[in-house]
């Protein structure tokens, strides 16, 4: 596995989130997803995709500011700082966020996000 490949997957995920592309999100997220939101909620794949489908989380822009990739045997960890603009539960947001994601190869040798978290960067 190479860092460039992980960067490509991160970009695919960013595009899917900004475009509300739930079909691409479905392909990029593991069925076993456990994602901790900035509010401490543990979200499943179904929860995550539904937040995009329903418009509860409507992202207008995600701009990557910095990204670190840590390669493991059949997985990778990314730590990404990003500027996020959008609507969350009816409220306008514009925050610097820090995402940590674990990308793991599934049984079909496809990379998927299996775990992650997001926090607001305090200024």
PDB file of N, CA and C in Angstrom:
ATOM      1  N   UNK A   1       0.846  -1.166   0.000  1.00  0.00           N
ATOM      2  CA  UNK A   1       0.000   0.000   0.000  1.00  0.00           C
ATOM      3  C   UNK A   1       0.900   1.240   0.000  1.00  0.00           C
ATOM      4  N   UNK A   2       0.475   2.254  -0.729  1.00  0.00           N
ATOM      5  CA  UNK A   2       1.262   3.475  -0.848  1.00  0.00           C
ATOM      6  C   UNK A   2       0.452   4.674  -0.355  1.00  0.00           C
ATOM      7  N   UNK A   3       1.156   5.673   0.136  1.00  0.00           N
ATOM      8  CA  UNK A   3       0.507   6.890   0.629  1.00  0.00           C
ATOM      9  C   UNK A   3      -0.298   7.573  -0.477  1.00  0.00           C
ATOM     10  N   UNK A   4       0.191   7.539  -1.718  1.00  0.00           N
ATOM     11  CA  UNK A   4      -0.538   8.170  -2.830  1.00  0.00           C
ATOM     12  C   UNK A   4      -1.914   7.538  -3.033  1.00  0.00           C
ATOM     13  N   UNK A   5      -2.003   6.224  -2.849  1.00  0.00           N
ATOM     14  CA  UNK A   5      -3.285   5.536  -2.980  1.00  0.00           C
ATOM     15  C   UNK A   5      -4.251   6.004  -1.886  1.00  0.00           C
ATOM     16  N   UNK A   6      -3.751   6.134  -0.683  1.00  0.00           N
ATOM     17  CA  UNK A   6      -4.589   6.603   0.420  1.00  0.00           C
ATOM     18  C   UNK A   6      -5.045   8.037   0.160  1.00  0.00           C
ATOM     19  N   UNK A   7      -4.143   8.857  -0.343  1.00  0.00           N
ATOM     20  CA  UNK A   7      -4.513  10.229  -0.694  1.00  0.00           C
ATOM     21  C   UNK A   7      -5.653  10.243  -1.718  1.00  0.00           C
ATOM     22  N   UNK A   8      -5.590   9.353  -2.698  1.00  0.00           N
ATOM     23  CA  UNK A   8      -6.650   9.249  -3.708  1.00  0.00           C
ATOM     24  C   UNK A   8      -7.986   8.887  -3.068  1.00  0.00           C
ATOM     25  N   UNK A   9      -7.968   7.925  -2.135  1.00  0.00           N
ATOM     26  CA  UNK A   9      -9.198   7.512  -1.454  1.00  0.00           C
ATOM     27  C   UNK A   9      -9.747   8.631  -0.577  1.00  0.00           C
ATOM     28  N   UNK A  10      -8.867   9.359   0.088  1.00  0.00           N
ATOM     29  CA  UNK A  10      -9.304  10.500   0.895  1.00  0.00           C
ATOM     30  C   UNK A  10      -9.979  11.545   0.007  1.00  0.00           C
ATOM     31  N   UNK A  11      -9.426  11.775  -1.162  1.00  0.00           N
ATOM     32  CA  UNK A  11     -10.011  12.750  -2.094  1.00  0.00           C
ATOM     33  C   UNK A  11     -11.362  12.254  -2.611  1.00  0.00           C
ATOM     34  N   UNK A  12     -11.463  10.963  -2.898  1.00  0.00           N
ATOM     35  CA  UNK A  12     -12.757  10.402  -3.324  1.00  0.00           C
ATOM     36  C   UNK A  12     -13.805  10.580  -2.226  1.00  0.00           C
ATOM     37  N   UNK A  13     -13.398  10.342  -0.978  1.00  0.00           N
ATOM     38  CA  UNK A  13     -14.317  10.505   0.144  1.00  0.00           C
ATOM     39  C   UNK A  13     -14.715  11.970   0.301  1.00  0.00           C
ATOM     40  N   UNK A  14     -13.757  12.879   0.195  1.00  0.00           N
ATOM     41  CA  UNK A  14     -14.044  14.320   0.293  1.00  0.00           C
ATOM     42  C   UNK A  14     -15.062  14.733  -0.768  1.00  0.00           C
ATOM     43  N   UNK A  15     -14.835  14.312  -2.006  1.00  0.00           N
ATOM     44  CA  UNK A  15     -15.763  14.640  -3.095  1.00  0.00           C
ATOM     45  C   UNK A  15     -17.154  14.081  -2.838  1.00  0.00           C
ATOM     46  N   UNK A  16     -17.232  12.849  -2.379  1.00  0.00           N
ATOM     47  CA  UNK A  16     -18.528  12.220  -2.105  1.00  0.00           C
ATOM     48  C   UNK A  16     -19.272  12.981  -1.002  1.00  0.00           C
ATOM     49  N   UNK A  17     -18.544  13.409   0.031  1.00  0.00           N
ATOM     50  CA  UNK A  17     -19.176  14.146   1.124  1.00  0.00           C
ATOM     51  C   UNK A  17     -19.685  15.506   0.644  1.00  0.00           C
ATOM     52  N   UNK A  18     -18.881  16.238  -0.112  1.00  0.00           N
ATOM     53  CA  UNK A  18     -19.267  17.567  -0.601  1.00  0.00           C
ATOM     54  C   UNK A  18     -20.447  17.469  -1.566  1.00  0.00           C
ATOM     55  N   UNK A  19     -20.455  16.434  -2.384  1.00  0.00           N
ATOM     56  CA  UNK A  19     -21.512  16.285  -3.388  1.00  0.00           C
ATOM     57  C   UNK A  19     -22.732  15.521  -2.887  1.00  0.00           C
ATOM     58  N   UNK A  20     -22.697  15.079  -1.634  1.00  0.00           N
ATOM     59  CA  UNK A  20     -23.817  14.297  -1.109  1.00  0.00           C
ATOM     60  C   UNK A  20     -24.023  13.015  -1.885  1.00  0.00           C
ATOM     61  N   UNK A  21     -22.956  12.465  -2.406  1.00  0.00           N
ATOM     62  CA  UNK A  21     -22.987  11.269  -3.256  1.00  0.00           C
ATOM     63  C   UNK A  21     -23.030  10.014  -2.377  1.00  0.00           C
ATOM     64  N   UNK A  22     -24.241   9.625  -1.979  1.00  0.00           N
ATOM     65  CA  UNK A  22     -24.386   8.498  -1.056  1.00  0.00           C
ATOM     66  C   UNK A  22     -23.977   7.165  -1.688  1.00  0.00           C
ATOM     67  N   UNK A  23     -24.068   7.053  -3.011  1.00  0.00           N
ATOM     68  CA  UNK A  23     -23.633   5.813  -3.668  1.00  0.00           C
ATOM     69  C   UNK A  23     -22.127   5.636  -3.525  1.00  0.00           C
ATOM     70  N   UNK A  24     -21.365   6.721  -3.710  1.00  0.00           N
ATOM     71  CA  UNK A  24     -19.913   6.633  -3.524  1.00  0.00           C
ATOM     72  C   UNK A  24     -19.566   6.425  -2.061  1.00  0.00           C
ATOM     73  N   UNK A  25     -20.281   7.106  -1.165  1.00  0.00           N
ATOM     74  CA  UNK A  25     -20.047   6.899   0.267  1.00  0.00           C
ATOM     75  C   UNK A  25     -20.254   5.438   0.641  1.00  0.00           C
ATOM     76  N   UNK A  26     -21.299   4.840   0.080  1.00  0.00           N
ATOM     77  CA  UNK A  26     -21.582   3.426   0.353  1.00  0.00           C
ATOM     78  C   UNK A  26     -20.406   2.536  -0.044  1.00  0.00           C
ATOM     79  N   UNK A  27     -19.738   2.872  -1.143  1.00  0.00           N
ATOM     80  CA  UNK A  27     -18.589   2.084  -1.614  1.00  0.00           C
ATOM     81  C   UNK A  27     -17.330   2.333  -0.785  1.00  0.00           C
ATOM     82  N   UNK A  28     -17.226   3.501  -0.168  1.00  0.00           N
ATOM     83  CA  UNK A  28     -16.007   3.876   0.546  1.00  0.00           C
ATOM     84  C   UNK A  28     -16.048   3.585   2.047  1.00  0.00           C
ATOM     85  N   UNK A  29     -17.236   3.284   2.567  1.00  0.00           N
ATOM     86  CA  UNK A  29     -17.395   3.076   4.006  1.00  0.00           C
ATOM     87  C   UNK A  29     -17.669   1.600   4.293  1.00  0.00           C
ATOM     88  N   UNK A  30     -16.958   1.068   5.271  1.00  0.00           N
ATOM     89  CA  UNK A  30     -17.122  -0.321   5.682  1.00  0.00           C
ATOM     90  C   UNK A  30     -18.469  -0.537   6.386  1.00  0.00           C
ATOM     91  N   UNK A  31     -19.010  -1.730   6.231  1.00  0.00           N
ATOM     92  CA  UNK A  31     -20.240  -2.105   6.943  1.00  0.00           C
ATOM     93  C   UNK A  31     -20.027  -2.068   8.453  1.00  0.00           C
ATOM     94  N   UNK A  32     -18.790  -2.215   8.898  1.00  0.00           N
ATOM     95  CA  UNK A  32     -18.461  -2.242  10.325  1.00  0.00           C
ATOM     96  C   UNK A  32     -18.095  -0.873  10.884  1.00  0.00           C
ATOM     97  N   UNK A  33     -18.323   0.188  10.129  1.00  0.00           N
ATOM     98  CA  UNK A  33     -17.904   1.522  10.547  1.00  0.00           C
ATOM     99  C   UNK A  33     -18.329   1.853  11.975  1.00  0.00           C
ATOM    100  N   UNK A  34     -17.377   2.411  12.723  1.00  0.00           N
ATOM    101  CA  UNK A  34     -17.644   3.053  14.012  1.00  0.00           C
ATOM    102  C   UNK A  34     -16.938   4.401  13.936  1.00  0.00           C
ATOM    103  N   UNK A  35     -17.732   5.480  13.853  1.00  0.00           N
ATOM    104  CA  UNK A  35     -17.185   6.818  13.683  1.00  0.00           C
ATOM    105  C   UNK A  35     -17.670   7.701  14.826  1.00  0.00           C
ATOM    106  N   UNK A  36     -16.737   8.345  15.517  1.00  0.00           N
ATOM    107  CA  UNK A  36     -17.086   9.208  16.642  1.00  0.00           C
ATOM    108  C   UNK A  36     -17.212  10.646  16.128  1.00  0.00           C
ATOM    109  N   UNK A  37     -18.404  11.198  16.276  1.00  0.00           N
ATOM    110  CA  UNK A  37     -18.682  12.563  15.811  1.00  0.00           C
ATOM    111  C   UNK A  37     -18.059  13.579  16.769  1.00  0.00           C
ATOM    112  N   UNK A  38     -18.033  14.853  16.362  1.00  0.00           N
ATOM    113  CA  UNK A  38     -17.516  15.889  17.266  1.00  0.00           C
ATOM    114  C   UNK A  38     -18.329  16.015  18.557  1.00  0.00           C
ATOM    115  N   UNK A  39     -19.540  15.447  18.560  1.00  0.00           N
ATOM    116  CA  UNK A  39     -20.417  15.523  19.728  1.00  0.00           C
ATOM    117  C   UNK A  39     -20.343  14.260  20.588  1.00  0.00           C
ATOM    118  N   UNK A  40     -19.429  13.348  20.228  1.00  0.00           N
ATOM    119  CA  UNK A  40     -19.235  12.132  21.014  1.00  0.00           C
ATOM    120  C   UNK A  40     -20.168  10.988  20.658  1.00  0.00           C
ATOM    121  N   UNK A  41     -20.974  11.154  19.624  1.00  0.00           N
ATOM    122  CA  UNK A  41     -21.864  10.070  19.195  1.00  0.00           C
ATOM    123  C   UNK A  41     -21.062   9.053  18.381  1.00  0.00           C
ATOM    124  N   UNK A  42     -21.347   7.778  18.572  1.00  0.00           N
ATOM    125  CA  UNK A  42     -20.729   6.733  17.754  1.00  0.00           C
ATOM    126  C   UNK A  42     -21.702   6.397  16.638  1.00  0.00           C
ATOM    127  N   UNK A  43     -21.277   6.699  15.404  1.00  0.00           N
ATOM    128  CA  UNK A  43     -22.129   6.514  14.236  1.00  0.00           C
ATOM    129  C   UNK A  43     -21.779   5.239  13.487  1.00  0.00           C
ATOM    130  N   UNK A  44     -22.798   4.589  12.954  1.00  0.00           N
ATOM    131  CA  UNK A  44     -22.618   3.433  12.090  1.00  0.00           C
ATOM    132  C   UNK A  44     -22.594   3.904  10.640  1.00  0.00           C
ATOM    133  N   UNK A  45     -22.337   2.989   9.730  1.00  0.00           N
ATOM    134  CA  UNK A  45     -22.394   3.328   8.305  1.00  0.00           C
ATOM    135  C   UNK A  45     -23.773   3.862   7.947  1.00  0.00           C
ATOM    136  N   UNK A  46     -24.805   3.188   8.420  1.00  0.00           N
ATOM    137  CA  UNK A  46     -26.175   3.601   8.124  1.00  0.00           C
ATOM    138  C   UNK A  46     -26.420   5.028   8.618  1.00  0.00           C
ATOM    139  N   UNK A  47     -25.980   5.333   9.853  1.00  0.00           N
ATOM    140  CA  UNK A  47     -26.145   6.676  10.410  1.00  0.00           C
ATOM    141  C   UNK A  47     -25.431   7.719   9.554  1.00  0.00           C
ATOM    142  N   UNK A  48     -24.193   7.413   9.196  1.00  0.00           N
ATOM    143  CA  UNK A  48     -23.367   8.357   8.437  1.00  0.00           C
ATOM    144  C   UNK A  48     -24.004   8.655   7.080  1.00  0.00           C
ATOM    145  N   UNK A  49     -24.344   7.622   6.354  1.00  0.00           N
ATOM    146  CA  UNK A  49     -24.929   7.808   5.021  1.00  0.00           C
ATOM    147  C   UNK A  49     -26.281   8.521   5.113  1.00  0.00           C
ATOM    148  N   UNK A  50     -27.081   8.176   6.107  1.00  0.00           N
ATOM    149  CA  UNK A  50     -28.397   8.812   6.252  1.00  0.00           C
ATOM    150  C   UNK A  50     -28.266  10.304   6.550  1.00  0.00           C
ATOM    151  N   UNK A  51     -27.232  10.705   7.283  1.00  0.00           N
ATOM    152  CA  UNK A  51     -27.049  12.133   7.575  1.00  0.00           C
ATOM    153  C   UNK A  51     -26.786  12.917   6.295  1.00  0.00           C
ATOM    154  N   UNK A  52     -26.141  12.297   5.314  1.00  0.00           N
ATOM    155  CA  UNK A  52     -25.900  12.950   4.021  1.00  0.00           C
ATOM    156  C   UNK A  52     -27.141  12.876   3.135  1.00  0.00           C
ATOM    157  N   UNK A  53     -27.796  11.721   3.119  1.00  0.00           N
ATOM    158  CA  UNK A  53     -28.982  11.532   2.271  1.00  0.00           C
ATOM    159  C   UNK A  53     -30.108  12.488   2.685  1.00  0.00           C
ATOM    160  N   UNK A  54     -30.318  12.640   3.987  1.00  0.00           N
ATOM    161  CA  UNK A  54     -31.428  13.445   4.499  1.00  0.00           C
ATOM    162  C   UNK A  54     -31.146  14.946   4.501  1.00  0.00           C
ATOM    163  N   UNK A  55     -29.873  15.312   4.355  1.00  0.00           N
ATOM    164  CA  UNK A  55     -29.518  16.726   4.394  1.00  0.00           C
ATOM    165  C   UNK A  55     -29.228  17.236   5.794  1.00  0.00           C
ATOM    166  N   UNK A  56     -29.286  16.358   6.804  1.00  0.00           N
ATOM    167  CA  UNK A  56     -28.930  16.775   8.163  1.00  0.00           C
ATOM    168  C   UNK A  56     -27.512  17.345   8.167  1.00  0.00           C
ATOM    169  N   UNK A  57     -26.634  16.711   7.400  1.00  0.00           N
ATOM    170  CA  UNK A  57     -25.270  17.208   7.241  1.00  0.00           C
ATOM    171  C   UNK A  57     -25.077  17.508   5.763  1.00  0.00           C
ATOM    172  N   UNK A  58     -25.149  18.787   5.413  1.00  0.00           N
ATOM    173  CA  UNK A  58     -25.039  19.235   4.030  1.00  0.00           C
ATOM    174  C   UNK A  58     -23.750  20.034   3.907  1.00  0.00           C
ATOM    175  N   UNK A  59     -22.731  19.431   3.333  1.00  0.00           N
ATOM    176  CA  UNK A  59     -21.411  20.047   3.259  1.00  0.00           C
ATOM    177  C   UNK A  59     -21.278  20.833   1.965  1.00  0.00           C
ATOM    178  N   UNK A  60     -20.923  22.097   2.091  1.00  0.00           N
ATOM    179  CA  UNK A  60     -20.701  22.948   0.920  1.00  0.00           C
ATOM    180  C   UNK A  60     -19.252  22.876   0.461  1.00  0.00           C
ATOM    181  N   UNK A  61     -18.324  22.743   1.433  1.00  0.00           N
ATOM    182  CA  UNK A  61     -16.904  22.749   1.077  1.00  0.00           C
ATOM    183  C   UNK A  61     -16.091  22.040   2.159  1.00  0.00           C
ATOM    184  N   UNK A  62     -15.130  21.273   1.704  1.00  0.00           N
ATOM    185  CA  UNK A  62     -14.096  20.718   2.577  1.00  0.00           C
ATOM    186  C   UNK A  62     -12.767  21.008   1.894  1.00  0.00           C
ATOM    187  N   UNK A  63     -11.944  21.780   2.561  1.00  0.00           N
ATOM    188  CA  UNK A  63     -10.623  22.100   2.022  1.00  0.00           C
ATOM    189  C   UNK A  63      -9.579  21.466   2.929  1.00  0.00           C
ATOM    190  N   UNK A  64      -8.818  20.522   2.380  1.00  0.00           N
ATOM    191  CA  UNK A  64      -7.757  19.890   3.160  1.00  0.00           C
ATOM    192  C   UNK A  64      -6.647  20.899   3.422  1.00  0.00           C
ATOM    193  N   UNK A  65      -6.274  21.045   4.677  1.00  0.00           N
ATOM    194  CA  UNK A  65      -5.208  21.957   5.069  1.00  0.00           C
ATOM    195  C   UNK A  65      -3.895  21.213   5.282  1.00  0.00           C
ATOM    196  N   UNK A  66      -3.983  20.007   5.836  1.00  0.00           N
ATOM    197  CA  UNK A  66      -2.806  19.201   6.112  1.00  0.00           C
ATOM    198  C   UNK A  66      -3.256  17.751   6.263  1.00  0.00           C
ATOM    199  N   UNK A  67      -2.402  16.821   5.828  1.00  0.00           N
ATOM    200  CA  UNK A  67      -2.756  15.415   5.962  1.00  0.00           C
ATOM    201  C   UNK A  67      -1.513  14.583   6.223  1.00  0.00           C
ATOM    202  N   UNK A  68      -1.644  13.671   7.172  1.00  0.00           N
ATOM    203  CA  UNK A  68      -0.581  12.721   7.479  1.00  0.00           C
ATOM    204  C   UNK A  68      -1.141  11.326   7.226  1.00  0.00           C
ATOM    205  N   UNK A  69      -0.343  10.480   6.571  1.00  0.00           N
ATOM    206  CA  UNK A  69      -0.738   9.097   6.302  1.00  0.00           C
ATOM    207  C   UNK A  69       0.240   8.173   7.008  1.00  0.00           C
ATOM    208  N   UNK A  70      -0.303   7.268   7.798  1.00  0.00           N
ATOM    209  CA  UNK A  70       0.504   6.261   8.489  1.00  0.00           C
ATOM    210  C   UNK A  70       0.145   4.909   7.881  1.00  0.00           C
ATOM    211  N   UNK A  71       1.094   4.307   7.188  1.00  0.00           N
ATOM    212  CA  UNK A  71       0.846   3.031   6.513  1.00  0.00           C
ATOM    213  C   UNK A  71       1.053   1.869   7.467  1.00  0.00           C
ATOM    214  N   UNK A  72       0.123   0.918   7.439  1.00  0.00           N
ATOM    215  CA  UNK A  72       0.200  -0.318   8.211  1.00  0.00           C
ATOM    216  C   UNK A  72       0.199  -1.482   7.226  1.00  0.00           C
ATOM    217  N   UNK A  73       0.186  -2.717   7.713  1.00  0.00           N
ATOM    218  CA  UNK A  73       0.284  -3.864   6.806  1.00  0.00           C
ATOM    219  C   UNK A  73      -0.860  -3.929   5.795  1.00  0.00           C
ATOM    220  N   UNK A  74      -2.090  -3.974   6.256  1.00  0.00           N
ATOM    221  CA  UNK A  74      -3.256  -4.015   5.361  1.00  0.00           C
ATOM    222  C   UNK A  74      -4.218  -2.878   5.649  1.00  0.00           C
ATOM    223  N   UNK A  75      -3.672  -1.801   6.164  1.00  0.00           N
ATOM    224  CA  UNK A  75      -4.508  -0.665   6.538  1.00  0.00           C
ATOM    225  C   UNK A  75      -3.657   0.597   6.536  1.00  0.00           C
ATOM    226  N   UNK A  76      -4.337   1.711   6.743  1.00  0.00           N
ATOM    227  CA  UNK A  76      -3.644   2.989   6.872  1.00  0.00           C
ATOM    228  C   UNK A  76      -4.472   3.888   7.781  1.00  0.00           C
ATOM    229  N   UNK A  77      -3.786   4.761   8.486  1.00  0.00           N
ATOM    230  CA  UNK A  77      -4.435   5.757   9.318  1.00  0.00           C
ATOM    231  C   UNK A  77      -4.151   7.117   8.692  1.00  0.00           C
ATOM    232  N   UNK A  78      -5.197   7.934   8.584  1.00  0.00           N
ATOM    233  CA  UNK A  78      -5.000   9.295   8.101  1.00  0.00           C
ATOM    234  C   UNK A  78      -5.412  10.267   9.195  1.00  0.00           C
ATOM    235  N   UNK A  79      -4.649  11.331   9.292  1.00  0.00           N
ATOM    236  CA  UNK A  79      -4.982  12.433  10.186  1.00  0.00           C
ATOM    237  C   UNK A  79      -5.028  13.665   9.293  1.00  0.00           C
ATOM    238  N   UNK A  80      -6.220  14.225   9.153  1.00  0.00           N
ATOM    239  CA  UNK A  80      -6.449  15.286   8.186  1.00  0.00           C
ATOM    240  C   UNK A  80      -7.046  16.505   8.859  1.00  0.00           C
ATOM    241  N   UNK A  81      -6.388  17.632   8.687  1.00  0.00           N
ATOM    242  CA  UNK A  81      -6.973  18.895   9.126  1.00  0.00           C
ATOM    243  C   UNK A  81      -7.637  19.525   7.909  1.00  0.00           C
ATOM    244  N   UNK A  82      -8.857  20.007   8.108  1.00  0.00           N
ATOM    245  CA  UNK A  82      -9.630  20.558   6.995  1.00  0.00           C
ATOM    246  C   UNK A  82     -10.495  21.715   7.455  1.00  0.00           C
ATOM    247  N   UNK A  83     -10.762  22.613   6.525  1.00  0.00           N
ATOM    248  CA  UNK A  83     -11.737  23.684   6.735  1.00  0.00           C
ATOM    249  C   UNK A  83     -13.051  23.151   6.170  1.00  0.00           C
ATOM    250  N   UNK A  84     -14.093  23.126   7.004  1.00  0.00           N
ATOM    251  CA  UNK A  84     -15.389  22.575   6.607  1.00  0.00           C
ATOM    252  C   UNK A  84     -16.448  23.669   6.695  1.00  0.00           C
ATOM    253  N   UNK A  85     -17.198  23.816   5.591  1.00  0.00           N
ATOM    254  CA  UNK A  85     -18.320  24.757   5.546  1.00  0.00           C
ATOM    255  C   UNK A  85     -19.568  23.983   5.160  1.00  0.00           C
ATOM    256  N   UNK A  86     -20.678  24.286   5.827  1.00  0.00           N
ATOM    257  CA  UNK A  86     -21.915  23.623   5.475  1.00  0.00           C
ATOM    258  C   UNK A  86     -23.008  23.868   6.496  1.00  0.00           C
ATOM    259  N   UNK A  87     -23.996  22.997   6.466  1.00  0.00           N
ATOM    260  CA  UNK A  87     -25.138  23.063   7.367  1.00  0.00           C
ATOM    261  C   UNK A  87     -25.199  21.751   8.145  1.00  0.00           C
ATOM    262  N   UNK A  88     -25.295  21.864   9.460  1.00  0.00           N
ATOM    263  CA  UNK A  88     -25.420  20.694  10.322  1.00  0.00           C
ATOM    264  C   UNK A  88     -26.653  20.897  11.188  1.00  0.00           C
ATOM    265  N   UNK A  89     -27.657  20.056  10.956  1.00  0.00           N
ATOM    266  CA  UNK A  89     -28.921  20.127  11.700  1.00  0.00           C
ATOM    267  C   UNK A  89     -29.499  21.547  11.683  1.00  0.00           C
ATOM    268  N   UNK A  90     -29.469  22.176  10.509  1.00  0.00           N
ATOM    269  CA  UNK A  90     -30.060  23.492  10.341  1.00  0.00           C
ATOM    270  C   UNK A  90     -29.168  24.661  10.741  1.00  0.00           C
ATOM    271  N   UNK A  91     -27.999  24.371  11.288  1.00  0.00           N
ATOM    272  CA  UNK A  91     -27.081  25.422  11.722  1.00  0.00           C
ATOM    273  C   UNK A  91     -25.909  25.540  10.756  1.00  0.00           C
ATOM    274  N   UNK A  92     -25.575  26.773  10.380  1.00  0.00           N
ATOM    275  CA  UNK A  92     -24.417  27.007   9.523  1.00  0.00           C
ATOM    276  C   UNK A  92     -23.144  26.722  10.315  1.00  0.00           C
ATOM    277  N   UNK A  93     -22.232  25.965   9.715  1.00  0.00           N
ATOM    278  CA  UNK A  93     -20.934  25.716  10.352  1.00  0.00           C
ATOM    279  C   UNK A  93     -19.823  26.167   9.407  1.00  0.00           C
ATOM    280  N   UNK A  94     -18.768  26.624   9.995  1.00  0.00           N
ATOM    281  CA  UNK A  94     -17.553  26.949   9.261  1.00  0.00           C
ATOM    282  C   UNK A  94     -16.424  26.784  10.274  1.00  0.00           C
ATOM    283  N   UNK A  95     -15.854  25.588  10.301  1.00  0.00           N
ATOM    284  CA  UNK A  95     -14.879  25.244  11.330  1.00  0.00           C
ATOM    285  C   UNK A  95     -13.665  24.553  10.727  1.00  0.00           C
ATOM    286  N   UNK A  96     -12.559  24.663  11.439  1.00  0.00           N
ATOM    287  CA  UNK A  96     -11.411  23.804  11.164  1.00  0.00           C
ATOM    288  C   UNK A  96     -11.656  22.516  11.930  1.00  0.00           C
ATOM    289  N   UNK A  97     -11.544  21.401  11.211  1.00  0.00           N
ATOM    290  CA  UNK A  97     -11.816  20.087  11.794  1.00  0.00           C
ATOM    291  C   UNK A  97     -10.571  19.218  11.669  1.00  0.00           C
ATOM    292  N   UNK A  98     -10.475  18.260  12.553  1.00  0.00           N
ATOM    293  CA  UNK A  98      -9.421  17.253  12.461  1.00  0.00           C
ATOM    294  C   UNK A  98     -10.096  15.888  12.373  1.00  0.00           C
ATOM    295  N   UNK A  99      -9.870  15.207  11.266  1.00  0.00           N
ATOM    296  CA  UNK A  99     -10.424  13.872  11.034  1.00  0.00           C
ATOM    297  C   UNK A  99      -9.323  12.838  11.191  1.00  0.00           C
ATOM    298  N   UNK A 100      -9.623  11.788  11.901  1.00  0.00           N
ATOM    299  CA  UNK A 100      -8.746  10.624  11.946  1.00  0.00           C
ATOM    300  C   UNK A 100      -9.551   9.473  11.355  1.00  0.00           C
ATOM    301  N   UNK A 101      -8.973   8.785  10.378  1.00  0.00           N
ATOM    302  CA  UNK A 101      -9.670   7.659   9.740  1.00  0.00           C
ATOM    303  C   UNK A 101      -8.752   6.453   9.654  1.00  0.00           C
ATOM    304  N   UNK A 102      -9.353   5.278   9.770  1.00  0.00           N
ATOM    305  CA  UNK A 102      -8.634   4.029   9.532  1.00  0.00           C
ATOM    306  C   UNK A 102      -9.206   3.433   8.257  1.00  0.00           C
ATOM    307  N   UNK A 103      -8.338   3.312   7.264  1.00  0.00           N
ATOM    308  CA  UNK A 103      -8.689   2.683   5.987  1.00  0.00           C
ATOM    309  C   UNK A 103      -8.166   1.249   6.040  1.00  0.00           C
ATOM    310  N   UNK A 104      -9.034   0.291   5.743  1.00  0.00           N
ATOM    311  CA  UNK A 104      -8.643  -1.121   5.783  1.00  0.00           C
ATOM    312  C   UNK A 104      -9.118  -1.819   4.510  1.00  0.00           C
ATOM    313  N   UNK A 105      -8.295  -2.734   4.034  1.00  0.00           N
ATOM    314  CA  UNK A 105      -8.710  -3.518   2.872  1.00  0.00           C
ATOM    315  C   UNK A 105      -9.754  -4.537   3.306  1.00  0.00           C
ATOM    316  N   UNK A 106     -10.835  -4.650   2.521  1.00  0.00           N
ATOM    317  CA  UNK A 106     -11.872  -5.628   2.822  1.00  0.00           C
ATOM    318  C   UNK A 106     -11.562  -6.948   2.111  1.00  0.00           C
ATOM    319  N   UNK A 107     -12.490  -7.884   2.164  1.00  0.00           N
ATOM    320  CA  UNK A 107     -12.264  -9.211   1.574  1.00  0.00           C
ATOM    321  C   UNK A 107     -12.096  -9.151   0.057  1.00  0.00           C
ATOM    322  N   UNK A 108     -12.566  -8.061  -0.572  1.00  0.00           N
ATOM    323  CA  UNK A 108     -12.403  -7.879  -2.021  1.00  0.00           C
ATOM    324  C   UNK A 108     -11.188  -7.023  -2.355  1.00  0.00           C
ATOM    325  N   UNK A 109     -10.347  -6.779  -1.341  1.00  0.00           N
ATOM    326  CA  UNK A 109      -9.122  -6.002  -1.499  1.00  0.00           C
ATOM    327  C   UNK A 109      -9.387  -4.522  -1.799  1.00  0.00           C
ATOM    328  N   UNK A 110     -10.590  -4.046  -1.437  1.00  0.00           N
ATOM    329  CA  UNK A 110     -10.962  -2.643  -1.604  1.00  0.00           C
ATOM    330  C   UNK A 110     -10.735  -1.910  -0.289  1.00  0.00           C
ATOM    331  N   UNK A 111     -10.216  -0.698  -0.373  1.00  0.00           N
ATOM    332  CA  UNK A 111     -10.033   0.113   0.827  1.00  0.00           C
ATOM    333  C   UNK A 111     -11.360   0.731   1.248  1.00  0.00           C
ATOM    334  N   UNK A 112     -11.641   0.652   2.551  1.00  0.00           N
ATOM    335  CA  UNK A 112     -12.860   1.226   3.114  1.00  0.00           C
ATOM    336  C   UNK A 112     -12.524   1.852   4.467  1.00  0.00           C
ATOM    337  N   UNK A 113     -13.260   2.880   4.827  1.00  0.00           N
ATOM    338  CA  UNK A 113     -13.116   3.471   6.162  1.00  0.00           C
ATOM    339  C   UNK A 113     -13.836   2.563   7.134  1.00  0.00           C
ATOM    340  N   UNK A 114     -13.103   2.045   8.125  1.00  0.00           N
ATOM    341  CA  UNK A 114     -13.696   1.160   9.118  1.00  0.00           C
ATOM    342  C   UNK A 114     -13.892   1.859  10.462  1.00  0.00           C
ATOM    343  N   UNK A 115     -13.102   2.901  10.692  1.00  0.00           N
ATOM    344  CA  UNK A 115     -13.203   3.615  11.955  1.00  0.00           C
ATOM    345  C   UNK A 115     -12.692   5.036  11.757  1.00  0.00           C
ATOM    346  N   UNK A 116     -13.154   5.911  12.623  1.00  0.00           N
ATOM    347  CA  UNK A 116     -12.668   7.276  12.537  1.00  0.00           C
ATOM    348  C   UNK A 116     -13.264   8.144  13.613  1.00  0.00           C
ATOM    349  N   UNK A 117     -12.812   9.381  13.614  1.00  0.00           N
ATOM    350  CA  UNK A 117     -13.358  10.380  14.525  1.00  0.00           C
ATOM    351  C   UNK A 117     -13.131  11.754  13.923  1.00  0.00           C
ATOM    352  N   UNK A 118     -13.857  12.718  14.456  1.00  0.00           N
ATOM    353  CA  UNK A 118     -13.758  14.091  13.980  1.00  0.00           C
ATOM    354  C   UNK A 118     -13.866  15.003  15.189  1.00  0.00           C
ATOM    355  N   UNK A 119     -13.027  16.018  15.227  1.00  0.00           N
ATOM    356  CA  UNK A 119     -13.112  16.987  16.309  1.00  0.00           C
ATOM    357  C   UNK A 119     -12.925  18.390  15.742  1.00  0.00           C
ATOM    358  N   UNK A 120     -13.490  19.346  16.438  1.00  0.00           N
ATOM    359  CA  UNK A 120     -13.349  20.742  16.056  1.00  0.00           C
ATOM    360  C   UNK A 120     -12.010  21.231  16.602  1.00  0.00           C
ATOM    361  N   UNK A 121     -11.236  21.885  15.744  1.00  0.00           N
ATOM    362  CA  UNK A 121      -9.933  22.430  16.160  1.00  0.00           C
ATOM    363  C   UNK A 121     -10.206  23.756  16.860  1.00  0.00           C
ATOM    364  N   UNK A 122      -9.811  23.823  18.115  1.00  0.00           N
ATOM    365  CA  UNK A 122      -9.971  25.058  18.888  1.00  0.00           C
ATOM    366  C   UNK A 122      -8.935  26.081  18.462  1.00  0.00           C
ATOM    367  N   UNK A 123      -9.360  27.286  18.232  1.00  0.00           N
ATOM    368  CA  UNK A 123      -8.439  28.337  17.771  1.00  0.00           C
ATOM    369  C   UNK A 123      -7.936  29.152  18.926  1.00  0.00           C
TER     370      UNK A 123
END
